Amino acid sequence: MEIKHKSHLKETYNSKSFGLMPDHSEILSFELSNKKGMKIQITNYGATVTSLQVPVSNGNLIDVVLGFDSVSSYLESYLLPSAPYFGTTVGRYAGRINKGTFSLNGKTYELTKNNNGNSLHGGNNGFGKKVWNVTNQTIGENPSITFSLISEDLDENYPGELHVDLTYTLTEDNELKLDYKAVSTEDTIINLTHHSYFNLDGHDGSVLNQTVFIDAEKIVETNHENIPTGKFIDLTNHEFDFRSAKSCPASIDNSFVIEQSNNAVAALFSSKNNLKMSVYTNQPSVHIYVGGNCFDILKGKNDVVYHKTSGICFETQNFPDAPNQAHFPNSILKKNEEYIQKTIYKFENIN
């Protein structure tokens, strides 16, 4: 596959200023909306979803993701002891890589160790902290926007110049579709994901009264540093068996093993708003995360102070540390081949 350098889209729609970077360059926020009234705001800083407003049966719009009102707040969030990655695009490799090292084609690569001696979410300057280009945008039915990024060879010491396109589409069926494509000039490893914290009661509430479904028989076993051991845990009679929907846990940070199908791999339901979110993906895992990285000091949109149970993440991705586990799903992107990741978050009013 030939790699073509993409340029900024000369004309964009429904955009507004989202603030300035330290170098005084302007960051923009873009809005997509469908005929049912659903709206999403996305900024080109990290290709980050900042707001997702979903219509509910009483006619109101509920903002179902955590986020900030300006780019300066996102920049400040990365200075916390452990950044929350609200709504960001995570890469080059989502999750942890043991000791920040992996071998590829007989060569060992040393990555940035930014999490207890391990590499997490692409290192110190992952994709959520980069300014993306807007390279395509459509309006009318099923509006979409494409963000593109060039990650230079040896960016955070990952091999190959990686070109990434991420298209967000808001369908008339109240689906938020994410289509990732990437190609590299050299063999490399890749694992991209979306890191929104969802709350179907609204971003100013708690997820503890909502129910979770996950279509998984196993989770990836991890050690005390959340590094995979290479083994799996059977979820039969386990507290994290969500094959029958149960209340959202107050603390969870686990990768669930997904069998490929056309069915929803996970779902979240709010009885308060009779709202359901179903998650579809072509990835082998959905990583579920609740219970931290908010510290009760982050003031979000509308001056809301976020806390440990403000939201739940459904991170569709490959397994953590797959480059170091031969029996895990393939994480290698061969030179000039195409990486494709598809995820859908579908919202429905349940009466």
Protein backbone atom coordinates (compact mmCIF):
# COMPACT_ATOMS: atom_id res chain seq x y z
CA MET A 1 0.00 0.00 0.00
CA GLU A 2 1.36 3.39 -0.97
CA ILE A 3 1.56 5.88 1.89
CA LYS A 4 0.29 9.31 0.94
CA HIS A 5 0.77 12.37 3.09
CA LYS A 6 -2.61 13.91 3.82
CA SER A 7 -3.05 17.64 4.23
CA HIS A 8 -5.45 19.75 6.25
CA LEU A 9 -8.98 19.99 4.90
CA LYS A 10 -9.26 23.47 3.45
CA GLU A 11 -12.87 24.00 4.53
CA THR A 12 -14.41 22.57 7.70
CA TYR A 13 -17.96 22.73 9.01
CA ASN A 14 -19.53 23.26 12.43
CA SER A 15 -16.22 24.12 14.06
CA LYS A 16 -15.31 26.55 16.82
CA SER A 17 -12.25 27.42 18.84
CA PHE A 18 -11.44 25.07 21.72
CA GLY A 19 -8.48 27.05 23.02
CA LEU A 20 -4.78 27.53 22.41
CA MET A 21 -1.81 25.23 22.80
CA PRO A 22 1.32 26.43 24.64
CA ASP A 23 2.80 27.40 21.23
CA HIS A 24 -0.35 29.55 20.65
CA SER A 25 -1.65 27.32 17.86
CA GLU A 26 -5.43 27.07 17.88
CA ILE A 27 -7.29 23.86 18.66
CA LEU A 28 -10.75 23.41 17.14
CA SER A 29 -13.89 21.58 18.24
CA PHE A 30 -16.20 20.05 15.65
CA GLU A 31 -19.86 19.09 16.02
CA LEU A 32 -21.79 16.34 14.26
CA SER A 33 -25.57 16.03 14.68
CA ASN A 34 -28.21 13.73 13.25
CA LYS A 35 -31.91 14.19 12.54
CA LYS A 36 -32.90 12.62 15.86
CA GLY A 37 -31.09 15.35 17.79
CA MET A 38 -28.02 13.39 18.87
CA LYS A 39 -24.88 15.53 18.95
CA ILE A 40 -21.18 14.88 19.38
CA GLN A 41 -18.31 17.30 19.87
CA ILE A 42 -14.79 16.18 18.94
CA THR A 43 -11.57 18.17 19.12
CA ASN A 44 -8.49 17.72 16.97
CA TYR A 45 -6.37 17.60 20.14
CA GLY A 46 -6.05 13.84 20.52
CA ALA A 47 -9.05 13.26 18.20
CA THR A 48 -10.89 13.48 21.52
CA VAL A 49 -14.63 13.21 22.14
CA THR A 50 -15.52 16.00 24.56
CA SER A 51 -19.32 15.72 24.56
CA LEU A 52 -21.89 13.17 23.41
CA GLN A 53 -25.49 14.29 23.82
CA VAL A 54 -28.12 11.59 23.40
CA PRO A 55 -31.90 12.16 23.27
CA VAL A 56 -33.95 10.27 25.86
CA SER A 57 -37.65 9.47 25.98
CA ASN A 58 -38.66 12.66 27.82
CA GLY A 59 -37.18 14.76 25.04
CA ASN A 60 -34.11 15.89 26.93
CA LEU A 61 -30.54 15.56 25.75
CA ILE A 62 -28.17 13.76 28.15
CA ASP A 63 -24.42 14.26 27.87
CA VAL A 64 -23.15 10.72 28.42
CA VAL A 65 -19.34 11.22 28.42
CA LEU A 66 -16.92 12.89 30.80
CA GLY A 67 -14.85 15.75 29.44
CA PHE A 68 -13.58 19.29 29.72
CA ASP A 69 -14.62 22.65 28.29
CA SER A 70 -11.24 23.67 26.88
CA VAL A 71 -7.94 22.25 25.68
CA SER A 72 -6.14 23.80 28.66
CA SER A 73 -8.03 21.47 31.01
CA TYR A 74 -7.00 18.43 28.93
CA LEU A 75 -3.38 19.58 29.07
CA GLU A 76 -3.63 19.98 32.86
CA SER A 77 -5.16 16.50 33.23
CA TYR A 78 -1.98 14.96 31.82
CA LEU A 79 -0.04 16.51 34.72
CA LEU A 80 -1.96 14.44 37.28
CA PRO A 81 -0.22 11.45 38.95
CA SER A 82 -2.14 9.22 36.54
CA ALA A 83 -3.86 10.88 33.59
CA PRO A 84 -7.53 9.96 32.96
CA TYR A 85 -7.37 10.13 29.12
CA PHE A 86 -10.95 11.43 28.95
CA GLY A 87 -12.39 10.62 25.51
CA THR A 88 -9.00 10.40 23.82
CA THR A 89 -7.61 8.23 21.05
CA VAL A 90 -5.00 5.97 22.62
CA GLY A 91 -1.94 4.77 20.69
CA ARG A 92 0.44 3.60 19.44
CA TYR A 93 -0.24 0.81 21.90
CA ALA A 94 -3.22 0.91 24.26
CA GLY A 95 -2.71 -0.79 27.61
CA ARG A 96 0.52 -1.86 29.26
CA ILE A 97 3.68 -3.33 27.76
CA ASN A 98 5.77 -5.22 30.31
CA LYS A 99 8.94 -3.35 31.29
CA GLY A 100 8.42 -1.11 28.25
CA THR A 101 10.22 -3.53 25.95
CA PHE A 102 9.35 -5.78 23.02
CA SER A 103 11.26 -7.59 20.28
CA LEU A 104 10.46 -7.43 16.59
CA ASN A 105 12.42 -8.99 13.73
CA GLY A 106 15.29 -9.82 16.09
CA LYS A 107 15.60 -6.29 17.48
CA THR A 108 14.62 -5.19 20.99
CA TYR A 109 12.87 -1.84 21.38
CA GLU A 110 12.95 0.14 24.62
CA LEU A 111 9.82 2.25 25.06
CA THR A 112 9.12 5.06 27.50
CA LYS A 113 8.42 3.63 30.95
CA ASN A 114 5.60 5.81 32.23
CA ASN A 115 3.74 3.40 34.53
CA ASN A 116 5.62 1.62 37.34
CA GLY A 117 8.48 0.71 35.03
CA ASN A 118 6.12 -0.34 32.25
CA SER A 119 4.85 1.45 29.15
CA LEU A 120 1.20 2.55 29.20
CA HIS A 121 -1.01 3.94 26.42
CA GLY A 122 1.81 4.78 24.04
CA GLY A 123 4.18 6.47 26.44
CA ASN A 124 4.63 10.08 27.55
CA ASN A 125 3.45 11.58 24.27
CA GLY A 126 0.82 9.19 23.01
CA PHE A 127 -1.80 9.88 20.36
CA GLY A 128 -4.17 11.52 22.85
CA LYS A 129 -1.65 14.34 23.32
CA LYS A 130 -1.04 15.00 19.62
CA VAL A 131 -2.73 17.51 17.33
CA TRP A 132 -4.47 15.70 14.48
CA ASN A 133 -5.37 17.03 11.03
CA VAL A 134 -8.94 17.08 9.76
CA THR A 135 -8.73 15.52 6.30
CA ASN A 136 -12.37 14.80 5.43
CA GLN A 137 -15.80 15.84 6.59
CA THR A 138 -19.33 15.05 5.40
CA ILE A 139 -22.63 16.72 6.30
CA GLY A 140 -26.27 15.73 5.84
CA GLU A 141 -27.40 12.22 6.77
CA ASN A 142 -24.86 10.13 8.70
CA PRO A 143 -22.39 13.02 9.09
CA SER A 144 -18.73 12.11 9.57
CA ILE A 145 -15.32 13.60 10.22
CA THR A 146 -11.89 12.07 9.60
CA PHE A 147 -8.86 12.92 11.72
CA SER A 148 -5.41 11.97 10.45
CA LEU A 149 -2.05 11.71 12.17
CA ILE A 150 1.51 10.99 11.11
CA SER A 151 3.54 9.36 13.88
CA GLU A 152 7.19 9.67 12.90
CA ASP A 153 9.59 6.73 12.81
CA LEU A 154 10.81 6.02 16.38
CA ASP A 155 8.11 8.25 17.89
CA GLU A 156 8.26 7.10 21.55
CA ASN A 157 10.75 4.57 20.04
CA TYR A 158 8.13 2.64 18.04
CA PRO A 159 9.51 1.60 14.64
CA GLY A 160 8.12 2.88 11.35
CA GLU A 161 6.41 6.05 10.25
CA LEU A 162 2.77 5.33 11.00
CA HIS A 163 -0.10 7.03 9.18
CA VAL A 164 -3.43 6.85 11.02
CA ASP A 165 -6.93 7.82 9.90
CA LEU A 166 -9.82 7.82 12.36
CA THR A 167 -13.33 8.47 11.02
CA TYR A 168 -16.17 9.25 13.40
CA THR A 169 -19.64 8.76 11.90
CA LEU A 170 -22.90 9.67 13.62
CA THR A 171 -25.63 7.57 12.05
CA GLU A 172 -29.35 8.24 11.90
CA ASP A 173 -29.78 5.15 14.13
CA ASN A 174 -27.99 6.95 17.00
CA GLU A 175 -24.77 5.02 16.50
CA LEU A 176 -21.33 6.51 16.98
CA LYS A 177 -19.10 4.57 14.58
CA LEU A 178 -15.31 4.65 14.85
CA ASP A 179 -13.28 3.42 11.88
CA TYR A 180 -9.51 3.31 12.35
CA LYS A 181 -7.05 2.67 9.53
CA ALA A 182 -3.28 2.71 9.76
CA VAL A 183 -0.28 1.85 7.61
CA SER A 184 3.43 1.85 8.48
CA THR A 185 6.67 2.26 6.53
CA GLU A 186 8.22 -0.54 8.65
CA ASP A 187 6.99 -3.53 10.62
CA THR A 188 5.66 -2.21 13.91
CA ILE A 189 3.19 -2.96 16.69
CA ILE A 190 -0.15 -1.23 17.06
CA ASN A 191 -3.18 -1.23 19.33
CA LEU A 192 -5.56 1.72 19.05
CA THR A 193 -8.60 2.35 21.23
CA HIS A 194 -11.12 4.95 22.35
CA HIS A 195 -11.07 6.06 25.98
CA SER A 196 -14.40 7.75 26.74
CA TYR A 197 -15.81 7.41 30.23
CA PHE A 198 -19.54 6.79 29.74
CA ASN A 199 -22.37 7.59 32.14
CA LEU A 200 -25.92 7.13 30.84
CA ASP A 201 -27.35 9.07 33.78
CA GLY A 202 -25.32 12.07 32.64
CA HIS A 203 -21.69 13.05 33.17
CA ASP A 204 -22.54 14.68 36.51
CA GLY A 205 -23.72 11.43 38.13
CA SER A 206 -22.43 8.01 39.21
CA VAL A 207 -22.45 4.77 37.21
CA LEU A 208 -23.12 2.55 40.23
CA ASN A 209 -26.87 2.37 39.60
CA GLN A 210 -26.40 1.29 35.99
CA THR A 211 -26.13 -2.30 34.79
CA VAL A 212 -23.37 -3.82 32.69
CA PHE A 213 -23.41 -6.74 30.24
CA ILE A 214 -20.22 -8.26 28.77
CA ASP A 215 -20.31 -11.26 26.43
CA ALA A 216 -17.13 -12.89 27.72
CA GLU A 217 -16.30 -16.24 29.31
CA LYS A 218 -12.75 -15.25 30.30
CA ILE A 219 -10.61 -12.32 31.35
CA VAL A 220 -6.87 -11.86 30.92
CA GLU A 221 -5.07 -12.76 34.16
CA THR A 222 -2.73 -10.03 35.41
CA ASN A 223 -0.18 -9.59 38.18
CA HIS A 224 -0.07 -6.87 40.85
CA GLU A 225 1.15 -4.34 38.25
CA ASN A 226 -1.72 -5.21 35.87
CA ILE A 227 0.68 -6.96 33.49
CA PRO A 228 -0.74 -10.10 31.83
CA THR A 229 0.67 -13.39 33.12
CA GLY A 230 -0.20 -15.10 29.84
CA LYS A 231 -3.03 -17.04 31.45
CA PHE A 232 -6.79 -16.55 31.44
CA ILE A 233 -9.38 -16.63 34.22
CA ASP A 234 -12.65 -18.52 33.71
CA LEU A 235 -15.52 -16.23 34.72
CA THR A 236 -17.90 -18.97 35.83
CA ASN A 237 -19.04 -18.00 39.35
CA HIS A 238 -16.66 -15.01 39.22
CA GLU A 239 -17.72 -11.55 40.41
CA PHE A 240 -16.85 -10.19 36.95
CA ASP A 241 -19.10 -12.58 35.06
CA PHE A 242 -21.38 -10.08 33.31
CA ARG A 243 -22.97 -12.49 30.86
CA SER A 244 -26.08 -11.84 32.91
CA ALA A 245 -26.25 -8.08 33.36
CA LYS A 246 -25.44 -6.86 36.86
CA SER A 247 -24.71 -3.61 38.64
CA CYS A 248 -21.66 -1.64 37.55
CA PRO A 249 -18.71 -2.37 39.87
CA ALA A 250 -17.08 0.44 41.84
CA SER A 251 -13.62 -0.70 40.76
CA ILE A 252 -12.54 -2.73 37.74
CA ASP A 253 -9.54 -2.67 35.38
CA ASN A 254 -9.68 -5.86 33.32
CA SER A 255 -9.49 -7.08 29.73
CA PHE A 256 -12.39 -9.32 28.73
CA VAL A 257 -11.82 -11.90 25.99
CA ILE A 258 -14.29 -11.45 23.13
CA GLU A 259 -15.36 -14.09 20.63
CA GLN A 260 -15.92 -12.53 17.21
CA SER A 261 -19.59 -12.19 16.25
CA ASN A 262 -22.06 -9.64 14.93
CA ASN A 263 -23.64 -9.32 18.36
CA ALA A 264 -22.97 -6.66 20.96
CA VAL A 265 -19.86 -7.50 22.98
CA ALA A 266 -20.94 -5.29 25.88
CA ALA A 267 -23.77 -3.03 26.99
CA LEU A 268 -24.59 -0.41 29.61
CA PHE A 269 -28.13 0.39 30.78
CA SER A 270 -29.59 3.26 32.78
CA SER A 271 -33.00 2.65 34.35
CA LYS A 272 -33.15 6.35 35.25
CA ASN A 273 -33.22 7.41 31.59
CA ASN A 274 -34.30 4.05 30.08
CA LEU A 275 -31.21 4.39 27.92
CA LYS A 276 -29.05 1.55 26.62
CA MET A 277 -25.62 1.68 25.00
CA SER A 278 -24.47 -1.39 23.08
CA VAL A 279 -20.84 -1.89 22.01
CA TYR A 280 -19.83 -3.67 18.80
CA THR A 281 -16.26 -4.28 17.64
CA ASN A 282 -13.94 -6.43 15.52
CA GLN A 283 -11.35 -6.45 18.32
CA PRO A 284 -10.46 -9.49 20.49
CA SER A 285 -10.98 -7.69 23.80
CA VAL A 286 -12.93 -4.99 25.58
CA HIS A 287 -11.08 -3.47 28.51
CA ILE A 288 -13.45 -2.29 31.25
CA TYR A 289 -12.27 0.45 33.57
CA VAL A 290 -13.94 2.12 36.57
CA GLY A 291 -12.52 3.49 39.75
CA GLY A 292 -9.72 5.98 39.53
CA ASN A 293 -7.77 8.67 37.76
CA CYS A 294 -10.20 11.38 38.80
CA PHE A 295 -8.87 12.17 42.28
CA ASP A 296 -11.97 14.29 43.14
CA ILE A 297 -10.05 17.37 41.94
CA LEU A 298 -10.83 17.39 38.22
CA LYS A 299 -13.45 19.99 37.41
CA GLY A 300 -15.12 18.92 34.20
CA LYS A 301 -17.72 20.43 31.90
CA ASN A 302 -20.22 22.76 33.54
CA ASP A 303 -18.02 22.88 36.67
CA VAL A 304 -18.84 19.26 37.56
CA VAL A 305 -16.27 17.69 39.91
CA TYR A 306 -15.56 14.16 38.71
CA HIS A 307 -14.98 11.25 41.09
CA LYS A 308 -14.02 7.58 40.95
CA THR A 309 -17.42 6.32 39.79
CA SER A 310 -18.25 9.17 37.41
CA GLY A 311 -17.85 6.95 34.35
CA ILE A 312 -17.04 3.56 32.87
CA CYS A 313 -14.71 2.87 29.92
CA PHE A 314 -15.35 0.26 27.23
CA GLU A 315 -11.95 0.15 25.49
CA THR A 316 -12.19 -2.13 22.46
CA GLN A 317 -8.67 -3.30 21.65
CA ASN A 318 -6.09 -6.07 21.54
CA PHE A 319 -4.79 -7.61 24.78
CA PRO A 320 -2.27 -5.66 26.85
CA ASP A 321 1.33 -6.84 26.37
CA ALA A 322 0.41 -8.89 23.30
CA PRO A 323 3.81 -8.15 21.68
CA ASN A 324 5.43 -10.19 24.48
CA GLN A 325 2.91 -13.06 24.52
CA ALA A 326 3.19 -15.29 21.46
CA HIS A 327 -0.21 -16.95 22.03
CA PHE A 328 -2.07 -13.61 22.29
CA PRO A 329 -3.73 -12.16 19.17
CA ASN A 330 -1.34 -10.67 16.63
CA SER A 331 -0.26 -7.10 17.38
CA ILE A 332 2.23 -6.72 14.52
CA LEU A 333 1.42 -4.47 11.59
CA LYS A 334 3.58 -5.47 8.64
CA LYS A 335 5.15 -2.84 6.42
CA ASN A 336 2.61 -1.42 3.94
CA GLU A 337 -0.21 -3.64 5.22
CA GLU A 338 -3.35 -2.02 6.61
CA TYR A 339 -4.54 -2.06 10.21
CA ILE A 340 -8.32 -1.83 10.53
CA GLN A 341 -10.19 -1.37 13.79
CA LYS A 342 -13.96 -0.91 13.94
CA THR A 343 -16.06 0.00 16.97
CA ILE A 344 -19.68 1.11 17.32
CA TYR A 345 -21.41 2.60 20.36
CA LYS A 346 -25.18 2.37 19.73
CA PHE A 347 -27.74 4.20 21.87
CA GLU A 348 -31.38 3.14 22.25
CA ASN A 349 -34.30 4.26 24.35
CA ILE A 350 -35.79 1.18 26.07
CA ASN A 351 -39.46 1.57 27.01
